[in-house]
Amino acid sequence: MTDIKFSISEHLIERMKKYPEIDWERVAKSAVKKYLQKLEVTDKLLSNSTVTLEDAEKMGDDIKQKMWERHKLYLENIEE
């Protein structure tokens, strides 16, 4: 087994100390495992995709614009 070291802020360490019964190493391992699973699912879903990064950015911009239009309409209606 390989050891991995990383830094944690003092603020986070102080918060963790409030729960000494927690096996923080196990929590970190679990978080890494879950994150890797999400990445692997994403890789699998996108493996046959023809969507480019530019396409994804355009879709994101379109979604943001639509969301703004909805919020703007909502705000206009509550001000009346």
PDB file of N, CA and C in Angstrom:
ATOM      1  N   MET A   1       0.849  -1.172   0.000  1.00  0.00           N
ATOM      2  CA  MET A   1       0.000   0.000   0.000  1.00  0.00           C
ATOM      3  C   MET A   1       0.896   1.238   0.000  1.00  0.00           C
ATOM      4  N   THR A   2       0.462   2.275  -0.717  1.00  0.00           N
ATOM      5  CA  THR A   2       1.210   3.514  -0.840  1.00  0.00           C
ATOM      6  C   THR A   2       0.626   4.569   0.092  1.00  0.00           C
ATOM      7  N   ASP A   3       1.492   5.349   0.712  1.00  0.00           N
ATOM      8  CA  ASP A   3       1.046   6.463   1.544  1.00  0.00           C
ATOM      9  C   ASP A   3       0.921   7.712   0.683  1.00  0.00           C
ATOM     10  N   ILE A   4      -0.125   8.491   0.946  1.00  0.00           N
ATOM     11  CA  ILE A   4      -0.312   9.771   0.288  1.00  0.00           C
ATOM     12  C   ILE A   4      -0.409  10.824   1.384  1.00  0.00           C
ATOM     13  N   LYS A   5       0.337  11.897   1.204  1.00  0.00           N
ATOM     14  CA  LYS A   5       0.303  12.985   2.186  1.00  0.00           C
ATOM     15  C   LYS A   5      -0.269  14.228   1.526  1.00  0.00           C
ATOM     16  N   PHE A   6      -1.100  14.969   2.287  1.00  0.00           N
ATOM     17  CA  PHE A   6      -1.628  16.232   1.802  1.00  0.00           C
ATOM     18  C   PHE A   6      -1.847  17.159   2.980  1.00  0.00           C
ATOM     19  N   SER A   7      -1.926  18.427   2.692  1.00  0.00           N
ATOM     20  CA  SER A   7      -2.072  19.432   3.748  1.00  0.00           C
ATOM     21  C   SER A   7      -3.541  19.744   3.990  1.00  0.00           C
ATOM     22  N   ILE A   8      -3.841  20.014   5.246  1.00  0.00           N
ATOM     23  CA  ILE A   8      -5.187  20.408   5.658  1.00  0.00           C
ATOM     24  C   ILE A   8      -5.040  21.665   6.506  1.00  0.00           C
ATOM     25  N   SER A   9      -5.913  22.628   6.296  1.00  0.00           N
ATOM     26  CA  SER A   9      -5.817  23.879   7.047  1.00  0.00           C
ATOM     27  C   SER A   9      -6.027  23.639   8.540  1.00  0.00           C
ATOM     28  N   GLU A  10      -5.461  24.526   9.313  1.00  0.00           N
ATOM     29  CA  GLU A  10      -5.611  24.439  10.778  1.00  0.00           C
ATOM     30  C   GLU A  10      -7.086  24.521  11.176  1.00  0.00           C
ATOM     31  N   HIS A  11      -7.828  25.346  10.469  1.00  0.00           N
ATOM     32  CA  HIS A  11      -9.254  25.484  10.761  1.00  0.00           C
ATOM     33  C   HIS A  11      -9.967  24.140  10.590  1.00  0.00           C
ATOM     34  N   LEU A  12      -9.651  23.441   9.518  1.00  0.00           N
ATOM     35  CA  LEU A  12     -10.267  22.144   9.270  1.00  0.00           C
ATOM     36  C   LEU A  12      -9.834  21.121  10.322  1.00  0.00           C
ATOM     37  N   ILE A  13      -8.567  21.144  10.680  1.00  0.00           N
ATOM     38  CA  ILE A  13      -8.061  20.230  11.721  1.00  0.00           C
ATOM     39  C   ILE A  13      -8.792  20.454  13.038  1.00  0.00           C
ATOM     40  N   GLU A  14      -8.994  21.710  13.402  1.00  0.00           N
ATOM     41  CA  GLU A  14      -9.703  22.019  14.648  1.00  0.00           C
ATOM     42  C   GLU A  14     -11.130  21.483  14.608  1.00  0.00           C
ATOM     43  N   ARG A  15     -11.782  21.616  13.468  1.00  0.00           N
ATOM     44  CA  ARG A  15     -13.138  21.085  13.340  1.00  0.00           C
ATOM     45  C   ARG A  15     -13.134  19.564  13.447  1.00  0.00           C
ATOM     46  N   MET A  16     -12.150  18.922  12.845  1.00  0.00           N
ATOM     47  CA  MET A  16     -12.061  17.464  12.887  1.00  0.00           C
ATOM     48  C   MET A  16     -11.813  16.961  14.317  1.00  0.00           C
ATOM     49  N   LYS A  17     -11.069  17.738  15.097  1.00  0.00           N
ATOM     50  CA  LYS A  17     -10.751  17.341  16.475  1.00  0.00           C
ATOM     51  C   LYS A  17     -11.999  17.243  17.345  1.00  0.00           C
ATOM     52  N   LYS A  18     -13.066  17.893  16.935  1.00  0.00           N
ATOM     53  CA  LYS A  18     -14.320  17.825  17.687  1.00  0.00           C
ATOM     54  C   LYS A  18     -14.951  16.435  17.607  1.00  0.00           C
ATOM     55  N   TYR A  19     -14.464  15.628  16.663  1.00  0.00           N
ATOM     56  CA  TYR A  19     -15.011  14.290  16.437  1.00  0.00           C
ATOM     57  C   TYR A  19     -13.884  13.255  16.445  1.00  0.00           C
ATOM     58  N   PRO A  20     -13.264  13.048  17.605  1.00  0.00           N
ATOM     59  CA  PRO A  20     -12.113  12.137  17.667  1.00  0.00           C
ATOM     60  C   PRO A  20     -12.482  10.678  17.399  1.00  0.00           C
ATOM     61  N   GLU A  21     -13.753  10.355  17.508  1.00  0.00           N
ATOM     62  CA  GLU A  21     -14.187   8.975  17.273  1.00  0.00           C
ATOM     63  C   GLU A  21     -14.219   8.617  15.787  1.00  0.00           C
ATOM     64  N   ILE A  22     -14.102   9.621  14.931  1.00  0.00           N
ATOM     65  CA  ILE A  22     -14.149   9.399  13.487  1.00  0.00           C
ATOM     66  C   ILE A  22     -12.771   8.974  12.978  1.00  0.00           C
ATOM     67  N   ASP A  23     -12.762   7.935  12.155  1.00  0.00           N
ATOM     68  CA  ASP A  23     -11.528   7.484  11.507  1.00  0.00           C
ATOM     69  C   ASP A  23     -11.373   8.313  10.233  1.00  0.00           C
ATOM     70  N   TRP A  24     -10.679   9.461  10.333  1.00  0.00           N
ATOM     71  CA  TRP A  24     -10.571  10.402   9.233  1.00  0.00           C
ATOM     72  C   TRP A  24      -9.816   9.820   8.039  1.00  0.00           C
ATOM     73  N   GLU A  25      -8.897   8.918   8.294  1.00  0.00           N
ATOM     74  CA  GLU A  25      -8.202   8.262   7.187  1.00  0.00           C
ATOM     75  C   GLU A  25      -9.204   7.461   6.346  1.00  0.00           C
ATOM     76  N   ARG A  26     -10.090   6.775   7.027  1.00  0.00           N
ATOM     77  CA  ARG A  26     -11.112   5.986   6.328  1.00  0.00           C
ATOM     78  C   ARG A  26     -12.058   6.888   5.552  1.00  0.00           C
ATOM     79  N   VAL A  27     -12.413   8.036   6.126  1.00  0.00           N
ATOM     80  CA  VAL A  27     -13.279   9.000   5.445  1.00  0.00           C
ATOM     81  C   VAL A  27     -12.599   9.498   4.173  1.00  0.00           C
ATOM     82  N   ALA A  28     -11.310   9.819   4.271  1.00  0.00           N
ATOM     83  CA  ALA A  28     -10.569  10.309   3.104  1.00  0.00           C
ATOM     84  C   ALA A  28     -10.490   9.234   2.018  1.00  0.00           C
ATOM     85  N   LYS A  29     -10.222   8.008   2.402  1.00  0.00           N
ATOM     86  CA  LYS A  29     -10.159   6.905   1.432  1.00  0.00           C
ATOM     87  C   LYS A  29     -11.509   6.746   0.737  1.00  0.00           C
ATOM     88  N   SER A  30     -12.574   6.817   1.508  1.00  0.00           N
ATOM     89  CA  SER A  30     -13.916   6.673   0.956  1.00  0.00           C
ATOM     90  C   SER A  30     -14.218   7.806  -0.023  1.00  0.00           C
ATOM     91  N   ALA A  31     -13.834   9.027   0.329  1.00  0.00           N
ATOM     92  CA  ALA A  31     -14.077  10.178  -0.539  1.00  0.00           C
ATOM     93  C   ALA A  31     -13.320  10.034  -1.856  1.00  0.00           C
ATOM     94  N   VAL A  32     -12.081   9.588  -1.786  1.00  0.00           N
ATOM     95  CA  VAL A  32     -11.288   9.384  -3.005  1.00  0.00           C
ATOM     96  C   VAL A  32     -11.930   8.310  -3.868  1.00  0.00           C
ATOM     97  N   LYS A  33     -12.346   7.222  -3.250  1.00  0.00           N
ATOM     98  CA  LYS A  33     -12.975   6.119  -3.987  1.00  0.00           C
ATOM     99  C   LYS A  33     -14.242   6.597  -4.695  1.00  0.00           C
ATOM    100  N   LYS A  34     -15.106   7.342  -3.986  1.00  0.00           N
ATOM    101  CA  LYS A  34     -16.347   7.840  -4.579  1.00  0.00           C
ATOM    102  C   LYS A  34     -16.067   8.808  -5.723  1.00  0.00           C
ATOM    103  N   TYR A  35     -15.069   9.659  -5.553  1.00  0.00           N
ATOM    104  CA  TYR A  35     -14.723  10.617  -6.590  1.00  0.00           C
ATOM    105  C   TYR A  35     -14.216   9.892  -7.835  1.00  0.00           C
ATOM    106  N   LEU A  36     -13.388   8.875  -7.629  1.00  0.00           N
ATOM    107  CA  LEU A  36     -12.894   8.080  -8.755  1.00  0.00           C
ATOM    108  C   LEU A  36     -14.036   7.373  -9.478  1.00  0.00           C
ATOM    109  N   GLN A  37     -15.002   6.867  -8.724  1.00  0.00           N
ATOM    110  CA  GLN A  37     -16.153   6.209  -9.347  1.00  0.00           C
ATOM    111  C   GLN A  37     -16.921   7.186 -10.231  1.00  0.00           C
ATOM    112  N   LYS A  38     -17.101   8.421  -9.765  1.00  0.00           N
ATOM    113  CA  LYS A  38     -17.787   9.428 -10.564  1.00  0.00           C
ATOM    114  C   LYS A  38     -17.008   9.731 -11.836  1.00  0.00           C
ATOM    115  N   LEU A  39     -15.688   9.855 -11.714  1.00  0.00           N
ATOM    116  CA  LEU A  39     -14.858  10.119 -12.885  1.00  0.00           C
ATOM    117  C   LEU A  39     -14.938   8.976 -13.888  1.00  0.00           C
ATOM    118  N   GLU A  40     -14.927   7.747 -13.392  1.00  0.00           N
ATOM    119  CA  GLU A  40     -14.986   6.581 -14.274  1.00  0.00           C
ATOM    120  C   GLU A  40     -16.331   6.488 -14.996  1.00  0.00           C
ATOM    121  N   VAL A  41     -17.410   6.805 -14.293  1.00  0.00           N
ATOM    122  CA  VAL A  41     -18.731   6.815 -14.930  1.00  0.00           C
ATOM    123  C   VAL A  41     -18.764   7.898 -15.998  1.00  0.00           C
ATOM    124  N   THR A  42     -18.234   9.063 -15.681  1.00  0.00           N
ATOM    125  CA  THR A  42     -18.186  10.152 -16.647  1.00  0.00           C
ATOM    126  C   THR A  42     -17.373   9.752 -17.874  1.00  0.00           C
ATOM    127  N   ASP A  43     -16.220   9.146 -17.643  1.00  0.00           N
ATOM    128  CA  ASP A  43     -15.385   8.679 -18.761  1.00  0.00           C
ATOM    129  C   ASP A  43     -16.157   7.702 -19.637  1.00  0.00           C
ATOM    130  N   LYS A  44     -16.871   6.787 -18.993  1.00  0.00           N
ATOM    131  CA  LYS A  44     -17.624   5.787 -19.737  1.00  0.00           C
ATOM    132  C   LYS A  44     -18.743   6.436 -20.554  1.00  0.00           C
ATOM    133  N   LEU A  45     -19.449   7.384 -19.952  1.00  0.00           N
ATOM    134  CA  LEU A  45     -20.536   8.068 -20.654  1.00  0.00           C
ATOM    135  C   LEU A  45     -20.019   8.880 -21.837  1.00  0.00           C
ATOM    136  N   LEU A  46     -18.846   9.464 -21.666  1.00  0.00           N
ATOM    137  CA  LEU A  46     -18.318  10.350 -22.701  1.00  0.00           C
ATOM    138  C   LEU A  46     -17.426   9.650 -23.712  1.00  0.00           C
ATOM    139  N   SER A  47     -17.146   8.382 -23.507  1.00  0.00           N
ATOM    140  CA  SER A  47     -16.187   7.686 -24.368  1.00  0.00           C
ATOM    141  C   SER A  47     -16.612   7.674 -25.833  1.00  0.00           C
ATOM    142  N   ASN A  48     -17.903   7.651 -26.111  1.00  0.00           N
ATOM    143  CA  ASN A  48     -18.391   7.643 -27.493  1.00  0.00           C
ATOM    144  C   ASN A  48     -19.004   8.975 -27.907  1.00  0.00           C
ATOM    145  N   SER A  49     -18.847   9.980 -27.065  1.00  0.00           N
ATOM    146  CA  SER A  49     -19.458  11.273 -27.328  1.00  0.00           C
ATOM    147  C   SER A  49     -18.673  12.040 -28.397  1.00  0.00           C
ATOM    148  N   THR A  50     -19.413  12.767 -29.216  1.00  0.00           N
ATOM    149  CA  THR A  50     -18.782  13.627 -30.212  1.00  0.00           C
ATOM    150  C   THR A  50     -18.842  15.091 -29.783  1.00  0.00           C
ATOM    151  N   VAL A  51     -19.326  15.344 -28.576  1.00  0.00           N
ATOM    152  CA  VAL A  51     -19.420  16.706 -28.065  1.00  0.00           C
ATOM    153  C   VAL A  51     -18.016  17.207 -27.744  1.00  0.00           C
ATOM    154  N   THR A  52     -17.690  18.381 -28.266  1.00  0.00           N
ATOM    155  CA  THR A  52     -16.378  18.971 -28.011  1.00  0.00           C
ATOM    156  C   THR A  52     -16.465  19.897 -26.799  1.00  0.00           C
ATOM    157  N   LEU A  53     -15.325  20.333 -26.331  1.00  0.00           N
ATOM    158  CA  LEU A  53     -15.290  21.272 -25.222  1.00  0.00           C
ATOM    159  C   LEU A  53     -16.001  22.565 -25.615  1.00  0.00           C
ATOM    160  N   GLU A  54     -15.805  22.995 -26.844  1.00  0.00           N
ATOM    161  CA  GLU A  54     -16.478  24.201 -27.321  1.00  0.00           C
ATOM    162  C   GLU A  54     -17.993  24.018 -27.324  1.00  0.00           C
ATOM    163  N   ASP A  55     -18.458  22.827 -27.743  1.00  0.00           N
ATOM    164  CA  ASP A  55     -19.894  22.536 -27.713  1.00  0.00           C
ATOM    165  C   ASP A  55     -20.429  22.626 -26.290  1.00  0.00           C
ATOM    166  N   ALA A  56     -19.700  22.039 -25.351  1.00  0.00           N
ATOM    167  CA  ALA A  56     -20.131  22.031 -23.954  1.00  0.00           C
ATOM    168  C   ALA A  56     -20.179  23.446 -23.395  1.00  0.00           C
ATOM    169  N   GLU A  57     -19.176  24.270 -23.745  1.00  0.00           N
ATOM    170  CA  GLU A  57     -19.165  25.659 -23.278  1.00  0.00           C
ATOM    171  C   GLU A  57     -20.346  26.432 -23.860  1.00  0.00           C
ATOM    172  N   LYS A  58     -20.665  26.205 -25.123  1.00  0.00           N
ATOM    173  CA  LYS A  58     -21.815  26.870 -25.763  1.00  0.00           C
ATOM    174  C   LYS A  58     -23.112  26.452 -25.080  1.00  0.00           C
ATOM    175  N   MET A  59     -23.253  25.151 -24.796  1.00  0.00           N
ATOM    176  CA  MET A  59     -24.457  24.677 -24.098  1.00  0.00           C
ATOM    177  C   MET A  59     -24.561  25.328 -22.722  1.00  0.00           C
ATOM    178  N   GLY A  60     -23.433  25.407 -22.033  1.00  0.00           N
ATOM    179  CA  GLY A  60     -23.422  26.037 -20.710  1.00  0.00           C
ATOM    180  C   GLY A  60     -23.830  27.497 -20.780  1.00  0.00           C
ATOM    181  N   ASP A  61     -23.301  28.207 -21.779  1.00  0.00           N
ATOM    182  CA  ASP A  61     -23.669  29.614 -21.960  1.00  0.00           C
ATOM    183  C   ASP A  61     -25.162  29.757 -22.261  1.00  0.00           C
ATOM    184  N   ASP A  62     -25.679  28.872 -23.104  1.00  0.00           N
ATOM    185  CA  ASP A  62     -27.104  28.905 -23.437  1.00  0.00           C
ATOM    186  C   ASP A  62     -27.961  28.667 -22.198  1.00  0.00           C
ATOM    187  N   ILE A  63     -27.564  27.708 -21.373  1.00  0.00           N
ATOM    188  CA  ILE A  63     -28.309  27.404 -20.141  1.00  0.00           C
ATOM    189  C   ILE A  63     -28.278  28.597 -19.196  1.00  0.00           C
ATOM    190  N   LYS A  64     -27.112  29.207 -19.027  1.00  0.00           N
ATOM    191  CA  LYS A  64     -26.998  30.385 -18.152  1.00  0.00           C
ATOM    192  C   LYS A  64     -27.897  31.509 -18.637  1.00  0.00           C
ATOM    193  N   GLN A  65     -27.925  31.729 -19.954  1.00  0.00           N
ATOM    194  CA  GLN A  65     -28.762  32.785 -20.520  1.00  0.00           C
ATOM    195  C   GLN A  65     -30.243  32.509 -20.241  1.00  0.00           C
ATOM    196  N   LYS A  66     -30.673  31.283 -20.458  1.00  0.00           N
ATOM    197  CA  LYS A  66     -32.078  30.917 -20.209  1.00  0.00           C
ATOM    198  C   LYS A  66     -32.431  31.090 -18.734  1.00  0.00           C
ATOM    199  N   MET A  67     -31.503  30.678 -17.857  1.00  0.00           N
ATOM    200  CA  MET A  67     -31.753  30.821 -16.414  1.00  0.00           C
ATOM    201  C   MET A  67     -31.875  32.290 -16.049  1.00  0.00           C
ATOM    202  N   TRP A  68     -30.989  33.138 -16.610  1.00  0.00           N
ATOM    203  CA  TRP A  68     -31.052  34.561 -16.317  1.00  0.00           C
ATOM    204  C   TRP A  68     -32.378  35.140 -16.792  1.00  0.00           C
ATOM    205  N   GLU A  69     -32.830  34.741 -17.993  1.00  0.00           N
ATOM    206  CA  GLU A  69     -34.099  35.244 -18.507  1.00  0.00           C
ATOM    207  C   GLU A  69     -35.256  34.869 -17.591  1.00  0.00           C
ATOM    208  N   ARG A  70     -35.244  33.649 -17.062  1.00  0.00           N
ATOM    209  CA  ARG A  70     -36.305  33.229 -16.135  1.00  0.00           C
ATOM    210  C   ARG A  70     -36.265  34.028 -14.846  1.00  0.00           C
ATOM    211  N   HIS A  71     -35.064  34.208 -14.293  1.00  0.00           N
ATOM    212  CA  HIS A  71     -34.926  34.969 -13.040  1.00  0.00           C
ATOM    213  C   HIS A  71     -35.328  36.427 -13.249  1.00  0.00           C
ATOM    214  N   LYS A  72     -34.938  36.987 -14.386  1.00  0.00           N
ATOM    215  CA  LYS A  72     -35.288  38.372 -14.688  1.00  0.00           C
ATOM    216  C   LYS A  72     -36.802  38.522 -14.768  1.00  0.00           C
ATOM    217  N   LEU A  73     -37.468  37.601 -15.450  1.00  0.00           N
ATOM    218  CA  LEU A  73     -38.930  37.630 -15.555  1.00  0.00           C
ATOM    219  C   LEU A  73     -39.569  37.516 -14.170  1.00  0.00           C
ATOM    220  N   TYR A  74     -39.030  36.626 -13.351  1.00  0.00           N
ATOM    221  CA  TYR A  74     -39.545  36.454 -11.990  1.00  0.00           C
ATOM    222  C   TYR A  74     -39.402  37.753 -11.207  1.00  0.00           C
ATOM    223  N   LEU A  75     -38.218  38.364 -11.278  1.00  0.00           N
ATOM    224  CA  LEU A  75     -37.979  39.603 -10.538  1.00  0.00           C
ATOM    225  C   LEU A  75     -38.882  40.728 -11.025  1.00  0.00           C
ATOM    226  N   GLU A  76     -39.089  40.787 -12.325  1.00  0.00           N
ATOM    227  CA  GLU A  76     -39.979  41.818 -12.875  1.00  0.00           C
ATOM    228  C   GLU A  76     -41.405  41.637 -12.359  1.00  0.00           C
ATOM    229  N   ASN A  77     -41.835  40.406 -12.188  1.00  0.00           N
ATOM    230  CA  ASN A  77     -43.216  40.141 -11.742  1.00  0.00           C
ATOM    231  C   ASN A  77     -43.405  40.375 -10.256  1.00  0.00           C
ATOM    232  N   ILE A  78     -42.375  40.205  -9.445  1.00  0.00           N
ATOM    233  CA  ILE A  78     -42.560  40.433  -8.010  1.00  0.00           C
ATOM    234  C   ILE A  78     -42.434  41.907  -7.641  1.00  0.00           C
ATOM    235  N   GLU A  79     -41.855  42.711  -8.519  1.00  0.00           N
ATOM    236  CA  GLU A  79     -41.709  44.131  -8.240  1.00  0.00           C
ATOM    237  C   GLU A  79     -42.985  44.906  -8.473  1.00  0.00           C
ATOM    238  N   GLU A  80     -43.919  44.324  -9.185  1.00  0.00           N
ATOM    239  CA  GLU A  80     -45.170  45.023  -9.501  1.00  0.00           C
ATOM    240  C   GLU A  80     -46.115  45.085  -8.340  1.00  0.00           C
TER     241      GLU A  80
END
